[in-house]
N, C-alpha and C. Protein backbone atom coordinates (compact mmCIF):
# COMPACT_ATOMS: atom_id res chain seq x y z
N MET A 1 -13.43 -11.81 -0.49
CA MET A 1 -13.26 -11.03 -1.68
C MET A 1 -11.85 -10.45 -1.66
N HIS A 2 -11.21 -10.42 -2.81
CA HIS A 2 -9.88 -9.85 -2.99
C HIS A 2 -9.91 -8.83 -4.10
N ALA A 3 -8.95 -7.95 -4.11
CA ALA A 3 -8.83 -6.96 -5.18
C ALA A 3 -7.40 -6.96 -5.68
N VAL A 4 -7.25 -6.65 -6.95
CA VAL A 4 -5.93 -6.52 -7.56
C VAL A 4 -5.90 -5.19 -8.29
N ILE A 5 -4.88 -4.41 -8.02
CA ILE A 5 -4.70 -3.14 -8.71
C ILE A 5 -3.60 -3.32 -9.74
N VAL A 6 -3.91 -2.98 -10.96
CA VAL A 6 -2.94 -3.08 -12.04
C VAL A 6 -2.63 -1.67 -12.51
N ASP A 7 -1.36 -1.30 -12.44
CA ASP A 7 -1.01 0.04 -12.90
C ASP A 7 -0.33 -0.05 -14.26
N SER A 8 -0.02 1.08 -14.79
CA SER A 8 0.53 1.15 -16.14
C SER A 8 2.04 0.99 -16.12
N SER A 9 2.56 0.42 -17.17
CA SER A 9 4.01 0.34 -17.34
C SER A 9 4.53 1.55 -18.12
N ILE A 10 3.63 2.43 -18.50
CA ILE A 10 3.99 3.64 -19.25
C ILE A 10 3.88 4.83 -18.31
N GLY A 11 4.98 5.56 -18.16
CA GLY A 11 5.01 6.68 -17.21
C GLY A 11 4.07 7.81 -17.56
N ARG A 12 4.03 8.17 -18.81
CA ARG A 12 3.14 9.24 -19.27
C ARG A 12 2.42 8.74 -20.50
N GLY A 13 1.14 8.87 -20.49
CA GLY A 13 0.38 8.42 -21.64
C GLY A 13 -1.07 8.84 -21.54
N ARG A 14 -1.82 8.55 -22.56
CA ARG A 14 -3.24 8.89 -22.60
C ARG A 14 -4.02 7.62 -22.84
N ILE A 15 -5.03 7.38 -22.00
CA ILE A 15 -5.91 6.23 -22.19
C ILE A 15 -6.87 6.56 -23.31
N THR A 16 -6.85 5.76 -24.36
CA THR A 16 -7.76 6.01 -25.48
C THR A 16 -8.95 5.07 -25.45
N SER A 17 -8.78 3.89 -24.86
CA SER A 17 -9.90 2.97 -24.70
C SER A 17 -9.52 1.88 -23.70
N ILE A 18 -10.53 1.30 -23.11
CA ILE A 18 -10.34 0.19 -22.18
C ILE A 18 -11.34 -0.88 -22.56
N ASP A 19 -10.85 -2.09 -22.86
CA ASP A 19 -11.72 -3.22 -23.16
C ASP A 19 -11.64 -4.18 -21.98
N THR A 20 -12.67 -4.19 -21.15
CA THR A 20 -12.66 -5.03 -19.94
C THR A 20 -13.40 -6.34 -20.15
N GLY A 21 -13.85 -6.59 -21.36
CA GLY A 21 -14.65 -7.78 -21.65
C GLY A 21 -13.99 -9.08 -21.24
N ALA A 22 -12.71 -9.26 -21.57
CA ALA A 22 -12.02 -10.50 -21.23
C ALA A 22 -11.91 -10.68 -19.72
N ALA A 23 -11.59 -9.61 -19.01
CA ALA A 23 -11.48 -9.69 -17.55
C ALA A 23 -12.84 -9.96 -16.91
N GLU A 24 -13.87 -9.30 -17.39
CA GLU A 24 -15.21 -9.48 -16.83
C GLU A 24 -15.75 -10.89 -17.08
N ALA A 25 -15.28 -11.54 -18.15
CA ALA A 25 -15.77 -12.88 -18.50
C ALA A 25 -15.11 -13.99 -17.68
N LEU A 26 -14.05 -13.67 -16.95
CA LEU A 26 -13.37 -14.69 -16.15
C LEU A 26 -14.26 -15.14 -15.00
N PRO A 27 -14.24 -16.43 -14.66
CA PRO A 27 -15.05 -16.91 -13.56
C PRO A 27 -14.61 -16.28 -12.24
N GLY A 28 -15.57 -15.86 -11.45
CA GLY A 28 -15.30 -15.28 -10.14
C GLY A 28 -15.09 -13.78 -10.13
N VAL A 29 -14.98 -13.16 -11.29
CA VAL A 29 -14.79 -11.70 -11.34
C VAL A 29 -16.12 -11.03 -11.06
N LEU A 30 -16.15 -10.18 -10.04
CA LEU A 30 -17.37 -9.48 -9.66
C LEU A 30 -17.51 -8.15 -10.39
N LYS A 31 -16.40 -7.42 -10.52
CA LYS A 31 -16.45 -6.10 -11.13
C LYS A 31 -15.06 -5.70 -11.56
N VAL A 32 -14.98 -5.03 -12.69
CA VAL A 32 -13.73 -4.43 -13.16
C VAL A 32 -13.92 -2.93 -13.03
N ILE A 33 -13.13 -2.31 -12.17
CA ILE A 33 -13.28 -0.88 -11.89
C ILE A 33 -12.19 -0.11 -12.63
N HIS A 34 -12.59 0.94 -13.32
CA HIS A 34 -11.65 1.80 -14.02
C HIS A 34 -12.11 3.25 -13.92
N HIS A 35 -11.41 4.14 -14.57
CA HIS A 35 -11.66 5.57 -14.38
C HIS A 35 -13.05 6.01 -14.83
N ARG A 36 -13.70 5.27 -15.68
CA ARG A 36 -15.03 5.68 -16.16
C ARG A 36 -16.17 5.21 -15.26
N ASN A 37 -15.97 4.14 -14.49
CA ASN A 37 -17.08 3.63 -13.67
C ASN A 37 -16.80 3.68 -12.17
N ALA A 38 -15.66 4.22 -11.76
CA ALA A 38 -15.36 4.33 -10.32
C ALA A 38 -15.97 5.61 -9.77
N ARG A 39 -16.39 5.56 -8.53
CA ARG A 39 -16.92 6.78 -7.93
C ARG A 39 -15.79 7.75 -7.67
N LYS A 40 -16.10 9.00 -7.70
CA LYS A 40 -15.10 10.04 -7.48
C LYS A 40 -14.78 10.13 -6.00
N LEU A 41 -13.50 10.21 -5.68
CA LEU A 41 -13.07 10.35 -4.30
C LEU A 41 -12.91 11.83 -3.98
N PRO A 42 -13.19 12.21 -2.75
CA PRO A 42 -13.03 13.62 -2.39
C PRO A 42 -11.56 14.02 -2.44
N TYR A 43 -11.31 15.25 -2.84
CA TYR A 43 -9.95 15.77 -2.89
C TYR A 43 -9.42 15.90 -1.48
N ARG A 44 -8.21 15.46 -1.27
CA ARG A 44 -7.58 15.57 0.04
C ARG A 44 -6.28 16.33 -0.12
N ASP A 45 -6.21 17.49 0.49
CA ASP A 45 -5.01 18.31 0.41
C ASP A 45 -3.99 17.78 1.42
N ASN A 46 -2.83 17.41 0.93
CA ASN A 46 -1.79 16.88 1.81
C ASN A 46 -0.83 17.95 2.31
N ALA A 47 -1.20 19.21 2.15
CA ALA A 47 -0.36 20.28 2.63
C ALA A 47 -0.21 20.16 4.14
N GLY A 48 1.02 20.28 4.58
CA GLY A 48 1.27 20.19 6.01
C GLY A 48 1.57 18.79 6.49
N SER A 49 1.43 17.80 5.61
CA SER A 49 1.77 16.44 6.03
C SER A 49 3.27 16.23 5.87
N ASN A 50 3.76 15.17 6.44
CA ASN A 50 5.20 14.88 6.36
C ASN A 50 5.54 13.97 5.21
N ASN A 51 4.65 13.83 4.24
CA ASN A 51 4.90 12.92 3.10
C ASN A 51 5.72 13.59 2.04
C-alpha cells in the first residue's frame, strides 16, 4: 500500500467543498482521506524543541 499527500497551491484560503468522487472511482484507490473523514490527531506542543 502507498499513500500520496497532495497539498494546496494556495497559501491562504478556505475549503468550501471537496469532491472526491473521481479519485475514489480510480482502480486501486482504497480511501481518500480529507479533513472531514480523518481521525483527529492529539495536539502536540512543540515548546522546547529545537525546530
